[in-house]
Structures are given as C-alpha cells and as structure tokens.
Amino acid sequence: ALYNEVRYRGAPRARTGEPRPLPLFFHASDALPDPRPLYGRGGLVRYRFAVGHGQEETLHRVVRRIAARRSPAVRAVLQRFGAADPGLLSFAAPGWSLALDLPAALPGLARFLDGVDEEVAAAGGRVCLAKDSRMRPETAAAMYPRLAEFRELRARLDPTEAFRSDLSRRLAL
C-alpha cells in the first residue's frame, strides 16, 4: 500500500505528449532497490486468470471473494484482451485478465485459490500457466480445451519426454 501511495502521489496530475521508456512503464517496481521487504517473509503467489467477454460478473465475484476474505493484494493488474492467439495452450482470449500478487503466507490460500479456479473454469476462463504454481491437473484440463491436441503433438515430437518441466509433470501436460 505504501509503495502504491508513493507512486500515485509522485505522478504528475497531467502529462501529455511525453514519451516514457517502456521498462519504466511496464516494470516500475524494478526502480526499487530491493522490493522483497514489501512482500513479507513468505513471498508472493502470483495468480492470473482470464474470462471472456460476457463473463464480467465472474470477474466481479472473484474480486468480491478476495475482498471478503480480506486477502491483501500487493499488486493487481486488470487487462482487457483482444483476439485470441491460435496456440494450443494460449492463455489470451477476448475478454478480461486479472493478475494478483497475494502473500503466500495467507492461511488457506491454496484451498481458496482452488475454489476460484473452479469458478473461473465454470465461466469458460483459464488460469495463466506461465504464472501458475499450484493448480490441479483436472482444473487445467477443464480450462484448456486444446490440451489433448497439445499432448498428442508433444508425444509425437518428444516421445522420450526429454523436454518436460516441473509444470508439465504436475499438470500432466
């Protein structure tokens, strides 16, 4: 909260016609000497999900659930997505994405996020695999309808499974 307040108050009220370097815009927290003290002892869990247009109520429900649980989001980023990428495990799809950095030490966080995963999946949404550290395999299968195609392609191109990550083993990708 303190970091956000300082950043907000340090910004000019109006600035137009002045280009900003991309790293300054996209990676503002890199300007801090050591941001780890902001995150607490246990670190953070980054949770990012997307839901399609017409599923804004799901997005609202998730935000209300987080607020009702009084889960402090160290960082929150809401994005609007355009056209989907044709990739077999592409995260982006037309709609909305919400990324949250939540303190890992929150009691019951994994169980809580499992419930959010189920709500997102029921709305046809998905959790970002690039940010995931805890999703269950059956949830990933429900969120990524082209997973079977990916598995077939992977089996054909890498039959000895030489190129497997911890994520792919955990989620049976």
C-alpha atoms as a PDB file:
ATOM      1  CA  ALA A   1       0.000   0.000   0.000  1.00  0.00           C
ATOM      2  CA  LEU A   2       2.853   2.364   0.853  1.00  0.00           C
ATOM      3  CA  TYR A   3       4.587   1.739  -2.482  1.00  0.00           C
ATOM      4  CA  ASN A   4       1.350   2.367  -4.397  1.00  0.00           C
ATOM      5  CA  GLU A   5       0.690   5.556  -2.430  1.00  0.00           C
ATOM      6  CA  VAL A   6       4.194   6.924  -3.114  1.00  0.00           C
ATOM      7  CA  ARG A   7       3.922   6.060  -6.797  1.00  0.00           C
ATOM      8  CA  TYR A   8       0.469   7.667  -7.043  1.00  0.00           C
ATOM      9  CA  ARG A   9       1.488  10.872  -5.261  1.00  0.00           C
ATOM     10  CA  GLY A  10       4.720  11.106  -7.236  1.00  0.00           C
ATOM     11  CA  ALA A  11       2.929  11.105 -10.577  1.00  0.00           C
ATOM     12  CA  PRO A  12       2.129  14.479 -12.134  1.00  0.00           C
ATOM     13  CA  ARG A  13      -1.545  15.399 -12.392  1.00  0.00           C
ATOM     14  CA  ALA A  14      -1.392  15.744 -16.167  1.00  0.00           C
ATOM     15  CA  ARG A  15       1.295  14.783 -18.641  1.00  0.00           C
ATOM     16  CA  THR A  16       0.721  14.610 -22.375  1.00  0.00           C
ATOM     17  CA  GLY A  17       2.974  14.301 -25.375  1.00  0.00           C
ATOM     18  CA  GLU A  18       5.898  12.974 -23.355  1.00  0.00           C
ATOM     19  CA  PRO A  19       7.163   9.510 -24.283  1.00  0.00           C
ATOM     20  CA  ARG A  20       8.146   7.211 -21.446  1.00  0.00           C
ATOM     21  CA  PRO A  21      10.696   4.405 -21.724  1.00  0.00           C
ATOM     22  CA  LEU A  22       8.953   1.022 -21.901  1.00  0.00           C
ATOM     23  CA  PRO A  23      10.844  -0.506 -18.936  1.00  0.00           C
ATOM     24  CA  LEU A  24       9.800   2.426 -16.737  1.00  0.00           C
ATOM     25  CA  PHE A  25       6.159   1.916 -17.709  1.00  0.00           C
ATOM     26  CA  PHE A  26       5.980  -1.902 -17.609  1.00  0.00           C
ATOM     27  CA  HIS A  27       8.454  -2.608 -14.816  1.00  0.00           C
ATOM     28  CA  ALA A  28       8.035   0.280 -12.384  1.00  0.00           C
ATOM     29  CA  SER A  29       8.806  -1.910  -9.369  1.00  0.00           C
ATOM     30  CA  ASP A  30      12.304  -2.526 -10.780  1.00  0.00           C
ATOM     31  CA  ALA A  31      13.154   1.019  -9.679  1.00  0.00           C
ATOM     32  CA  LEU A  32      13.041  -0.113  -6.052  1.00  0.00           C
ATOM     33  CA  PRO A  33      16.425  -1.127  -4.611  1.00  0.00           C
ATOM     34  CA  ASP A  34      15.110  -4.360  -3.049  1.00  0.00           C
ATOM     35  CA  PRO A  35      11.348  -4.929  -3.281  1.00  0.00           C
ATOM     36  CA  ARG A  36      11.348  -8.151  -1.208  1.00  0.00           C
ATOM     37  CA  PRO A  37      10.612  -6.354   2.083  1.00  0.00           C
ATOM     38  CA  LEU A  38       7.315  -5.209   0.567  1.00  0.00           C
ATOM     39  CA  TYR A  39       6.261  -8.824   0.033  1.00  0.00           C
ATOM     40  CA  GLY A  40       6.673 -10.229   3.509  1.00  0.00           C
ATOM     41  CA  ARG A  41       8.555 -13.254   4.769  1.00  0.00           C
ATOM     42  CA  GLY A  42       6.769 -15.919   2.770  1.00  0.00           C
ATOM     43  CA  GLY A  43       6.954 -14.236  -0.609  1.00  0.00           C
ATOM     44  CA  LEU A  44       4.097 -13.945  -3.053  1.00  0.00           C
ATOM     45  CA  VAL A  45       1.844 -16.134  -5.111  1.00  0.00           C
ATOM     46  CA  ARG A  46       1.037 -14.600  -8.463  1.00  0.00           C
ATOM     47  CA  TYR A  47      -2.464 -15.572  -9.524  1.00  0.00           C
ATOM     48  CA  ARG A  48      -3.581 -14.596 -13.018  1.00  0.00           C
ATOM     49  CA  PHE A  49      -6.771 -15.634 -14.730  1.00  0.00           C
ATOM     50  CA  ALA A  50      -8.846 -14.602 -17.723  1.00  0.00           C
ATOM     51  CA  VAL A  51     -12.551 -14.746 -18.507  1.00  0.00           C
ATOM     52  CA  GLY A  52     -14.281 -13.947 -21.772  1.00  0.00           C
ATOM     53  CA  HIS A  53     -16.465 -11.022 -22.664  1.00  0.00           C
ATOM     54  CA  GLY A  54     -19.892 -11.550 -21.138  1.00  0.00           C
ATOM     55  CA  GLN A  55     -18.337 -13.093 -18.018  1.00  0.00           C
ATOM     56  CA  GLU A  56     -17.675  -9.812 -16.209  1.00  0.00           C
ATOM     57  CA  GLU A  57     -19.875 -10.942 -13.327  1.00  0.00           C
ATOM     58  CA  THR A  58     -17.434 -13.794 -12.692  1.00  0.00           C
ATOM     59  CA  LEU A  59     -14.638 -11.240 -12.513  1.00  0.00           C
ATOM     60  CA  HIS A  60     -16.681  -9.177 -10.036  1.00  0.00           C
ATOM     61  CA  ARG A  61     -17.473 -12.255  -7.902  1.00  0.00           C
ATOM     62  CA  VAL A  62     -13.789 -13.201  -7.688  1.00  0.00           C
ATOM     63  CA  VAL A  63     -12.840  -9.677  -6.636  1.00  0.00           C
ATOM     64  CA  ARG A  64     -15.627  -9.679  -4.023  1.00  0.00           C
ATOM     65  CA  ARG A  65     -14.455 -13.082  -2.709  1.00  0.00           C
ATOM     66  CA  ILE A  66     -10.910 -11.778  -2.325  1.00  0.00           C
ATOM     67  CA  ALA A  67     -12.152  -8.620  -0.611  1.00  0.00           C
ATOM     68  CA  ALA A  68     -14.471 -10.574   1.701  1.00  0.00           C
ATOM     69  CA  ARG A  69     -11.575 -12.811   2.708  1.00  0.00           C
ATOM     70  CA  ARG A  70      -9.535  -9.675   3.352  1.00  0.00           C
ATOM     71  CA  SER A  71      -6.702 -11.026   1.220  1.00  0.00           C
ATOM     72  CA  PRO A  72      -4.338  -8.118   0.666  1.00  0.00           C
ATOM     73  CA  ALA A  73      -3.228  -7.990  -2.963  1.00  0.00           C
ATOM     74  CA  VAL A  74       0.251  -6.486  -3.058  1.00  0.00           C
ATOM     75  CA  ARG A  75      -0.303  -5.806  -6.742  1.00  0.00           C
ATOM     76  CA  ALA A  76      -3.325  -6.083  -9.009  1.00  0.00           C
ATOM     77  CA  VAL A  77      -3.440  -5.611 -12.779  1.00  0.00           C
ATOM     78  CA  LEU A  78      -6.627  -5.679 -14.842  1.00  0.00           C
ATOM     79  CA  GLN A  79      -6.237  -6.028 -18.607  1.00  0.00           C
ATOM     80  CA  ARG A  80      -8.636  -6.195 -21.498  1.00  0.00           C
ATOM     81  CA  PHE A  81      -7.681  -8.765 -24.129  1.00  0.00           C
ATOM     82  CA  GLY A  82      -8.392  -8.637 -27.841  1.00  0.00           C
ATOM     83  CA  ALA A  83      -8.236 -11.508 -30.314  1.00  0.00           C
ATOM     84  CA  ALA A  84      -7.061 -14.909 -29.140  1.00  0.00           C
ATOM     85  CA  ASP A  85      -3.756 -16.445 -30.129  1.00  0.00           C
ATOM     86  CA  PRO A  86      -4.033 -19.718 -32.074  1.00  0.00           C
ATOM     87  CA  GLY A  87      -1.588 -21.557 -29.770  1.00  0.00           C
ATOM     88  CA  LEU A  88      -2.760 -24.852 -28.288  1.00  0.00           C
ATOM     89  CA  LEU A  89      -2.209 -23.652 -24.711  1.00  0.00           C
ATOM     90  CA  SER A  90      -2.647 -19.936 -25.312  1.00  0.00           C
ATOM     91  CA  PHE A  91      -3.790 -18.003 -22.271  1.00  0.00           C
ATOM     92  CA  ALA A  92      -5.091 -14.891 -24.000  1.00  0.00           C
ATOM     93  CA  ALA A  93      -8.641 -14.836 -25.318  1.00  0.00           C
ATOM     94  CA  PRO A  94     -11.067 -11.970 -25.925  1.00  0.00           C
ATOM     95  CA  GLY A  95     -12.140 -10.719 -22.516  1.00  0.00           C
ATOM     96  CA  TRP A  96     -10.531  -9.704 -19.255  1.00  0.00           C
ATOM     97  CA  SER A  97      -7.478 -10.768 -17.296  1.00  0.00           C
ATOM     98  CA  LEU A  98      -6.808 -10.089 -13.640  1.00  0.00           C
ATOM     99  CA  ALA A  99      -3.367 -10.663 -12.114  1.00  0.00           C
ATOM    100  CA  LEU A 100      -2.892 -10.543  -8.355  1.00  0.00           C
ATOM    101  CA  ASP A 101       0.155 -10.888  -6.142  1.00  0.00           C
ATOM    102  CA  LEU A 102      -1.049 -12.383  -2.871  1.00  0.00           C
ATOM    103  CA  PRO A 103       1.082 -13.057   0.224  1.00  0.00           C
ATOM    104  CA  ALA A 104       1.988 -16.764   0.176  1.00  0.00           C
ATOM    105  CA  ALA A 105       1.664 -16.958   3.966  1.00  0.00           C
ATOM    106  CA  LEU A 106      -2.105 -16.312   3.935  1.00  0.00           C
ATOM    107  CA  PRO A 107      -3.792 -19.181   5.783  1.00  0.00           C
ATOM    108  CA  GLY A 108      -5.705 -21.484   3.450  1.00  0.00           C
ATOM    109  CA  LEU A 109      -4.583 -19.629   0.309  1.00  0.00           C
ATOM    110  CA  ALA A 110      -4.174 -22.751  -1.860  1.00  0.00           C
ATOM    111  CA  ARG A 111      -7.633 -24.056  -0.941  1.00  0.00           C
ATOM    112  CA  PHE A 112      -9.137 -20.618  -1.548  1.00  0.00           C
ATOM    113  CA  LEU A 113      -7.499 -20.347  -4.984  1.00  0.00           C
ATOM    114  CA  ASP A 114      -8.685 -23.868  -5.854  1.00  0.00           C
ATOM    115  CA  GLY A 115     -12.217 -22.559  -5.339  1.00  0.00           C
ATOM    116  CA  VAL A 116     -11.505 -19.527  -7.517  1.00  0.00           C
ATOM    117  CA  ASP A 117     -10.063 -21.867 -10.172  1.00  0.00           C
ATOM    118  CA  GLU A 118     -13.329 -23.808 -10.220  1.00  0.00           C
ATOM    119  CA  GLU A 119     -15.363 -20.620 -10.625  1.00  0.00           C
ATOM    120  CA  VAL A 120     -13.093 -19.387 -13.438  1.00  0.00           C
ATOM    121  CA  ALA A 121     -13.278 -22.777 -15.199  1.00  0.00           C
ATOM    122  CA  ALA A 122     -17.083 -22.849 -14.883  1.00  0.00           C
ATOM    123  CA  ALA A 123     -17.177 -19.477 -16.665  1.00  0.00           C
ATOM    124  CA  GLY A 124     -15.041 -20.828 -19.522  1.00  0.00           C
ATOM    125  CA  GLY A 125     -11.976 -18.947 -18.291  1.00  0.00           C
ATOM    126  CA  ARG A 126      -8.458 -20.055 -17.567  1.00  0.00           C
ATOM    127  CA  VAL A 127      -5.543 -19.551 -15.218  1.00  0.00           C
ATOM    128  CA  CYS A 128      -2.278 -18.444 -16.800  1.00  0.00           C
ATOM    129  CA  LEU A 129       0.072 -21.426 -16.947  1.00  0.00           C
ATOM    130  CA  ALA A 130       3.125 -19.145 -17.070  1.00  0.00           C
ATOM    131  CA  LYS A 131       2.233 -17.772 -13.618  1.00  0.00           C
ATOM    132  CA  ASP A 132       0.848 -20.958 -12.056  1.00  0.00           C
ATOM    133  CA  SER A 133       2.497 -22.718  -9.144  1.00  0.00           C
ATOM    134  CA  ARG A 134      -0.367 -24.727  -7.630  1.00  0.00           C
ATOM    135  CA  MET A 135      -3.253 -25.515  -9.989  1.00  0.00           C
ATOM    136  CA  ARG A 136      -4.584 -29.093 -10.083  1.00  0.00           C
ATOM    137  CA  PRO A 137      -4.300 -31.209 -13.279  1.00  0.00           C
ATOM    138  CA  GLU A 138      -8.063 -31.735 -13.647  1.00  0.00           C
ATOM    139  CA  THR A 139      -8.637 -27.989 -13.442  1.00  0.00           C
ATOM    140  CA  ALA A 140      -6.042 -27.305 -16.153  1.00  0.00           C
ATOM    141  CA  ALA A 141      -7.730 -29.877 -18.383  1.00  0.00           C
ATOM    142  CA  ALA A 142     -11.092 -28.141 -17.895  1.00  0.00           C
ATOM    143  CA  MET A 143      -9.616 -24.708 -18.689  1.00  0.00           C
ATOM    144  CA  TYR A 144      -7.598 -25.588 -21.772  1.00  0.00           C
ATOM    145  CA  PRO A 145      -9.873 -27.302 -24.330  1.00  0.00           C
ATOM    146  CA  ARG A 146      -6.985 -27.948 -26.756  1.00  0.00           C
ATOM    147  CA  LEU A 147      -4.913 -29.798 -24.166  1.00  0.00           C
ATOM    148  CA  ALA A 148      -5.489 -33.183 -25.827  1.00  0.00           C
ATOM    149  CA  GLU A 149      -4.096 -31.798 -29.117  1.00  0.00           C
ATOM    150  CA  PHE A 150      -1.077 -30.476 -27.242  1.00  0.00           C
ATOM    151  CA  ARG A 151      -0.461 -33.839 -25.593  1.00  0.00           C
ATOM    152  CA  GLU A 152      -0.667 -35.637 -28.946  1.00  0.00           C
ATOM    153  CA  LEU A 153       1.772 -33.192 -30.533  1.00  0.00           C
ATOM    154  CA  ARG A 154       4.164 -33.431 -27.596  1.00  0.00           C
ATOM    155  CA  ALA A 155       4.062 -37.244 -27.663  1.00  0.00           C
ATOM    156  CA  ARG A 156       4.828 -37.243 -31.381  1.00  0.00           C
ATOM    157  CA  LEU A 157       7.655 -34.686 -31.183  1.00  0.00           C
ATOM    158  CA  ASP A 158       9.179 -35.791 -27.854  1.00  0.00           C
ATOM    159  CA  PRO A 159       8.383 -39.494 -27.345  1.00  0.00           C
ATOM    160  CA  THR A 160      11.105 -39.912 -24.691  1.00  0.00           C
ATOM    161  CA  GLU A 161       9.805 -36.887 -22.725  1.00  0.00           C
ATOM    162  CA  ALA A 162      13.237 -35.292 -22.663  1.00  0.00           C
ATOM    163  CA  PHE A 163      11.742 -31.796 -22.629  1.00  0.00           C
ATOM    164  CA  ARG A 164       9.477 -31.882 -19.590  1.00  0.00           C
ATOM    165  CA  SER A 165       9.224 -29.199 -16.954  1.00  0.00           C
ATOM    166  CA  ASP A 166       8.011 -29.459 -13.370  1.00  0.00           C
ATOM    167  CA  LEU A 167       4.859 -27.639 -14.509  1.00  0.00           C
ATOM    168  CA  SER A 168       4.188 -30.137 -17.300  1.00  0.00           C
ATOM    169  CA  ARG A 169       4.713 -33.086 -14.927  1.00  0.00           C
ATOM    170  CA  ARG A 170       2.491 -31.565 -12.217  1.00  0.00           C
ATOM    171  CA  LEU A 171      -0.341 -30.746 -14.625  1.00  0.00           C
ATOM    172  CA  ALA A 172       0.129 -33.785 -16.887  1.00  0.00           C
ATOM    173  CA  LEU A 173       0.683 -31.550 -19.874  1.00  0.00           C
END
